[in-house]
Amino acid sequence: MSLETKALLFDVFGTVVDWRTSVLAELQAFFGARGVERDWGRFALDWRALYQPAMEAVRSGARDYSNLDVLHRENLLTLLRRYDLPALDAAEVWHLTTAWHRLAPWPDSAPGLARLRESRIVASLSNGNIALMVNLSRHGGLVWDTILGAEIARAYKPDPRVYLRAAEALGLAPDQCMMVAAHNDDLRAARALGMGTAFVLRASEYGPGQTTDLGAEEAWDIVTDSLTGVADALD
């Protein structure tokens, strides 16, 4: 781990915020008010499962760059049909799409970011678009120095452009940046470009049936279970 780490770049979905519990609550509230019952926990997981294939279409060049709000809306429409749910109007579809703008942070996230900002730049490096990240951050009381990521690069992680353009935007070399993520593949991509790495265990991201990212798969520079733990390690 370089002592010259000047910026911490954060994956957000799963690392900083608890997307599964939050999306589940939104679905239960929305459809419960309409007397519609389904397995909303499964629906939330299915929605997330469509995330990587949708981004892969952009990464592969099969489609032009579209931001995550567009992809989330398309995937939601797919699931509304799959689950044989009543027709929704455009405003209702958009309300559900923007459930991803209202995700609750893990309890350690806001205090961890605040501590880290005392000595280093902290920036989101998410596949979420800027409007989504602004709303999400304001909703959860998350304070960044800047919002970077997919929309800046017009590409999706783990495309190297996402990481490199974030460092460039900050006027830093990759080895002056550290990627913070709950996902080993995100850290592998960052390390391959010379960035430092911090693994944050989020063993309940996908619920009790989680089978991935249950531990550090490589000797990352920092291994912890909270953002406050990252701050402790850097102190």
Protein backbone atom coordinates (compact mmCIF):
# COMPACT_ATOMS: atom_id res chain seq x y z
CA MET A 1 0.00 0.00 0.00
CA SER A 2 1.49 3.31 -1.07
CA LEU A 3 1.91 6.01 1.54
CA GLU A 4 1.22 8.41 -1.32
CA THR A 5 -2.46 7.46 -1.59
CA LYS A 6 -4.17 10.78 -2.14
CA ALA A 7 -7.64 9.68 -3.26
CA LEU A 8 -10.03 6.91 -2.33
CA LEU A 9 -12.41 5.81 -5.08
CA PHE A 10 -15.50 3.97 -3.92
CA ASP A 11 -17.71 1.40 -5.50
CA VAL A 12 -21.17 2.32 -4.22
CA PHE A 13 -23.84 -0.37 -4.81
CA GLY A 14 -23.21 -2.99 -2.17
CA THR A 15 -20.07 -1.35 -0.80
CA VAL A 16 -21.49 1.93 0.49
CA VAL A 17 -25.24 1.31 0.27
CA ASP A 18 -27.50 -1.68 1.01
CA TRP A 19 -29.32 -1.95 -2.31
CA ARG A 20 -31.15 -5.25 -1.66
CA THR A 21 -32.94 -4.29 1.55
CA SER A 22 -33.78 -0.85 0.18
CA VAL A 23 -35.19 -2.05 -3.14
CA LEU A 24 -37.16 -4.78 -1.38
CA ALA A 25 -38.77 -2.18 0.93
CA GLU A 26 -39.68 0.03 -2.05
CA LEU A 27 -41.31 -2.87 -3.90
CA GLN A 28 -43.24 -4.00 -0.84
CA ALA A 29 -44.53 -0.49 -0.17
CA PHE A 30 -45.46 0.25 -3.78
CA PHE A 31 -47.24 -3.00 -4.62
CA GLY A 32 -48.54 -3.60 -1.12
CA ALA A 33 -50.50 -0.34 -1.38
CA ARG A 34 -52.08 -1.81 -4.51
CA GLY A 35 -52.83 -5.18 -2.96
CA VAL A 36 -50.38 -7.02 -5.22
CA GLU A 37 -48.33 -9.85 -3.76
CA ARG A 38 -45.23 -11.50 -5.20
CA ASP A 39 -41.88 -12.69 -3.90
CA TRP A 40 -40.40 -9.20 -3.75
CA GLY A 41 -37.11 -10.44 -2.35
CA ARG A 42 -36.66 -12.58 -5.43
CA PHE A 43 -37.79 -9.70 -7.65
CA ALA A 44 -35.08 -7.45 -6.17
CA LEU A 45 -32.42 -10.10 -6.78
CA ASP A 46 -33.69 -10.70 -10.32
CA TRP A 47 -33.54 -6.97 -11.02
CA ARG A 48 -29.94 -6.88 -9.86
CA ALA A 49 -29.15 -10.01 -11.89
CA LEU A 50 -30.04 -8.13 -15.09
CA TYR A 51 -27.52 -5.38 -14.22
CA GLN A 52 -24.34 -6.99 -15.55
CA PRO A 53 -25.86 -8.32 -18.81
CA ALA A 54 -27.26 -4.86 -19.55
CA MET A 55 -23.89 -3.23 -19.01
CA GLU A 56 -22.11 -5.94 -20.97
CA ALA A 57 -24.10 -4.92 -24.05
CA VAL A 58 -22.46 -1.49 -23.72
CA ARG A 59 -19.01 -2.88 -22.91
CA SER A 60 -19.12 -5.20 -25.92
CA GLY A 61 -20.20 -2.46 -28.30
CA ALA A 62 -23.54 -4.12 -29.00
CA ARG A 63 -25.23 -0.84 -28.05
CA ASP A 64 -24.16 2.75 -27.50
CA TYR A 65 -23.58 4.00 -23.98
CA SER A 66 -26.82 4.41 -22.03
CA ASN A 67 -26.81 5.49 -18.41
CA LEU A 68 -27.87 3.27 -15.55
CA ASP A 69 -31.29 4.88 -15.15
CA VAL A 70 -32.07 3.80 -18.73
CA LEU A 71 -30.80 0.27 -18.09
CA HIS A 72 -32.64 -0.05 -14.77
CA ARG A 73 -35.89 1.07 -16.42
CA GLU A 74 -35.52 -1.41 -19.28
CA ASN A 75 -34.78 -4.23 -16.84
CA LEU A 76 -37.73 -3.26 -14.67
CA LEU A 77 -40.08 -3.46 -17.67
CA THR A 78 -38.72 -6.93 -18.42
CA LEU A 79 -39.48 -8.07 -14.87
CA LEU A 80 -42.94 -6.50 -14.75
CA ARG A 81 -43.82 -8.74 -17.68
CA ARG A 82 -42.02 -11.79 -16.27
CA TYR A 83 -43.88 -11.49 -12.95
CA ASP A 84 -47.21 -10.86 -14.72
CA LEU A 85 -47.79 -7.62 -12.85
CA PRO A 86 -50.54 -5.08 -13.58
CA ALA A 87 -49.77 -2.40 -16.16
CA LEU A 88 -48.16 0.72 -14.72
CA ASP A 89 -48.21 4.21 -16.16
CA ALA A 90 -45.02 6.08 -17.03
CA ALA A 91 -44.89 7.96 -13.73
CA GLU A 92 -45.24 4.73 -11.75
CA VAL A 93 -42.51 3.03 -13.77
CA TRP A 94 -40.21 5.98 -13.18
CA HIS A 95 -40.97 6.00 -9.44
CA LEU A 96 -39.93 2.36 -9.21
CA THR A 97 -36.90 2.91 -11.44
CA THR A 98 -35.68 5.62 -9.09
CA ALA A 99 -35.85 3.29 -6.09
CA TRP A 100 -32.12 3.01 -6.87
CA HIS A 101 -31.83 6.73 -6.03
CA ARG A 102 -33.15 6.09 -2.50
CA LEU A 103 -30.93 3.31 -1.18
CA ALA A 104 -29.97 3.33 2.49
CA PRO A 105 -26.26 3.38 3.35
CA TRP A 106 -24.67 0.76 5.57
CA PRO A 107 -24.43 2.18 9.13
CA ASP A 108 -20.67 2.71 8.91
CA SER A 109 -20.68 4.45 5.52
CA ALA A 110 -21.38 8.10 6.35
CA PRO A 111 -19.08 8.22 9.40
CA GLY A 112 -16.39 6.32 7.52
CA LEU A 113 -16.47 8.73 4.58
CA ALA A 114 -16.38 11.71 6.95
CA ARG A 115 -13.24 10.40 8.65
CA LEU A 116 -11.53 9.60 5.37
CA ARG A 117 -12.28 13.06 3.95
CA GLU A 118 -10.22 14.60 6.74
CA SER A 119 -6.99 13.48 5.10
CA ARG A 120 -7.77 12.31 1.56
CA ILE A 121 -9.99 12.97 -1.43
CA VAL A 122 -13.03 10.71 -1.45
CA ALA A 123 -14.93 10.13 -4.68
CA SER A 124 -17.61 7.75 -5.85
CA LEU A 125 -16.51 5.49 -8.70
CA SER A 126 -19.80 3.84 -9.51
CA ASN A 127 -21.58 2.54 -12.56
CA GLY A 128 -24.44 4.77 -11.46
CA ASN A 129 -25.00 7.96 -13.47
CA ILE A 130 -24.42 11.39 -11.95
CA ALA A 131 -28.08 12.27 -11.27
CA LEU A 132 -28.59 8.90 -9.59
CA MET A 133 -25.47 9.34 -7.45
CA VAL A 134 -26.38 12.89 -6.43
CA ASN A 135 -29.85 11.83 -5.30
CA LEU A 136 -28.54 8.70 -3.61
CA SER A 137 -25.88 10.62 -1.73
CA ARG A 138 -28.26 13.34 -0.55
CA HIS A 139 -30.80 10.71 0.50
CA GLY A 140 -28.24 8.82 2.58
CA GLY A 141 -26.21 11.74 3.93
CA LEU A 142 -23.10 10.66 2.01
CA VAL A 143 -20.59 13.45 1.41
CA TRP A 144 -18.07 13.14 -1.43
CA ASP A 145 -15.47 15.51 -2.75
CA THR A 146 -16.66 14.61 -6.25
CA ILE A 147 -18.75 12.10 -8.17
CA LEU A 148 -16.90 10.13 -10.84
CA GLY A 149 -17.50 6.86 -12.66
CA ALA A 150 -19.30 5.45 -15.66
CA GLU A 151 -20.90 8.60 -17.00
CA ILE A 152 -17.56 10.44 -16.96
CA ALA A 153 -15.92 7.66 -18.98
CA ARG A 154 -19.07 6.67 -20.92
CA ALA A 155 -18.14 3.09 -20.11
CA TYR A 156 -18.87 0.59 -17.35
CA LYS A 157 -16.53 -1.04 -14.87
CA PRO A 158 -14.39 -3.07 -15.15
CA ASP A 159 -13.49 -1.24 -18.39
CA PRO A 160 -10.09 0.33 -17.60
CA ARG A 161 -11.28 3.71 -18.89
CA VAL A 162 -13.56 4.14 -15.88
CA TYR A 163 -10.68 3.88 -13.41
CA LEU A 164 -8.12 5.77 -15.48
CA ARG A 165 -10.37 8.71 -16.31
CA ALA A 166 -11.25 9.06 -12.62
CA ALA A 167 -7.57 9.36 -11.72
CA GLU A 168 -7.02 11.75 -14.62
CA ALA A 169 -9.96 13.93 -13.54
CA LEU A 170 -8.34 14.29 -10.13
CA GLY A 171 -4.95 15.10 -11.63
CA LEU A 172 -3.47 11.98 -10.10
CA ALA A 173 -1.58 8.93 -11.27
CA PRO A 174 -3.32 5.58 -10.77
CA ASP A 175 -0.88 4.60 -8.02
CA GLN A 176 -1.96 7.66 -6.03
CA CYS A 177 -5.51 6.28 -5.91
CA MET A 178 -7.04 3.41 -3.93
CA MET A 179 -10.16 1.54 -5.02
CA VAL A 180 -12.52 0.63 -2.17
CA ALA A 181 -15.01 -2.12 -2.96
CA ALA A 182 -16.90 -5.11 -1.61
CA HIS A 183 -16.30 -6.93 -4.90
CA ASN A 184 -13.09 -8.76 -5.69
CA ASP A 185 -13.45 -8.31 -9.47
CA ASP A 186 -13.63 -4.52 -9.08
CA LEU A 187 -10.41 -4.57 -7.06
CA ARG A 188 -8.66 -6.83 -9.58
CA ALA A 189 -9.41 -4.38 -12.36
CA ALA A 190 -8.14 -1.44 -10.31
CA ARG A 191 -4.98 -3.25 -9.17
CA ALA A 192 -4.14 -4.18 -12.77
CA LEU A 193 -3.89 -0.44 -13.47
CA GLY A 194 -1.63 0.23 -10.49
CA MET A 195 -4.20 1.39 -7.96
CA GLY A 196 -4.21 0.46 -4.30
CA THR A 197 -7.03 -1.77 -3.10
CA ALA A 198 -9.28 -2.01 -0.06
CA PHE A 199 -11.73 -4.88 0.32
CA VAL A 200 -14.79 -4.21 2.49
CA LEU A 201 -16.73 -7.34 3.40
CA ARG A 202 -20.50 -7.00 2.91
CA ALA A 203 -21.56 -10.59 3.54
CA SER A 204 -25.29 -9.76 3.49
CA GLU A 205 -25.34 -7.71 0.27
CA TYR A 206 -27.33 -10.43 -1.52
CA GLY A 207 -29.08 -11.72 1.58
CA PRO A 208 -28.71 -15.02 3.42
CA GLY A 209 -28.08 -16.95 0.20
CA GLN A 210 -25.03 -14.92 -0.83
CA THR A 211 -22.33 -17.05 -2.41
CA THR A 212 -19.88 -14.47 -3.79
CA ASP A 213 -17.46 -11.98 -2.24
CA LEU A 214 -17.63 -13.68 1.16
CA GLY A 215 -13.96 -12.90 1.71
CA ALA A 216 -10.87 -11.38 0.21
CA GLU A 217 -9.75 -13.54 -2.72
CA GLU A 218 -6.34 -11.91 -3.00
CA ALA A 219 -3.92 -10.10 -0.70
CA TRP A 220 -5.54 -6.70 -1.03
CA ASP A 221 -3.80 -3.75 0.63
CA ILE A 222 -6.59 -3.40 3.18
CA VAL A 223 -9.13 -6.03 4.22
CA THR A 224 -11.90 -4.94 6.59
CA ASP A 225 -15.66 -5.07 7.14
CA SER A 226 -16.49 -1.35 7.23
CA LEU A 227 -15.53 2.04 5.88
CA THR A 228 -14.49 3.02 9.38
CA GLY A 229 -12.16 0.04 9.19
CA VAL A 230 -10.59 1.52 6.05
CA ALA A 231 -10.05 4.74 7.99
CA ASP A 232 -8.48 2.81 10.87
CA ALA A 233 -6.08 1.08 8.47
CA LEU A 234 -5.02 4.32 6.82
CA ASP A 235 -4.57 6.06 10.16
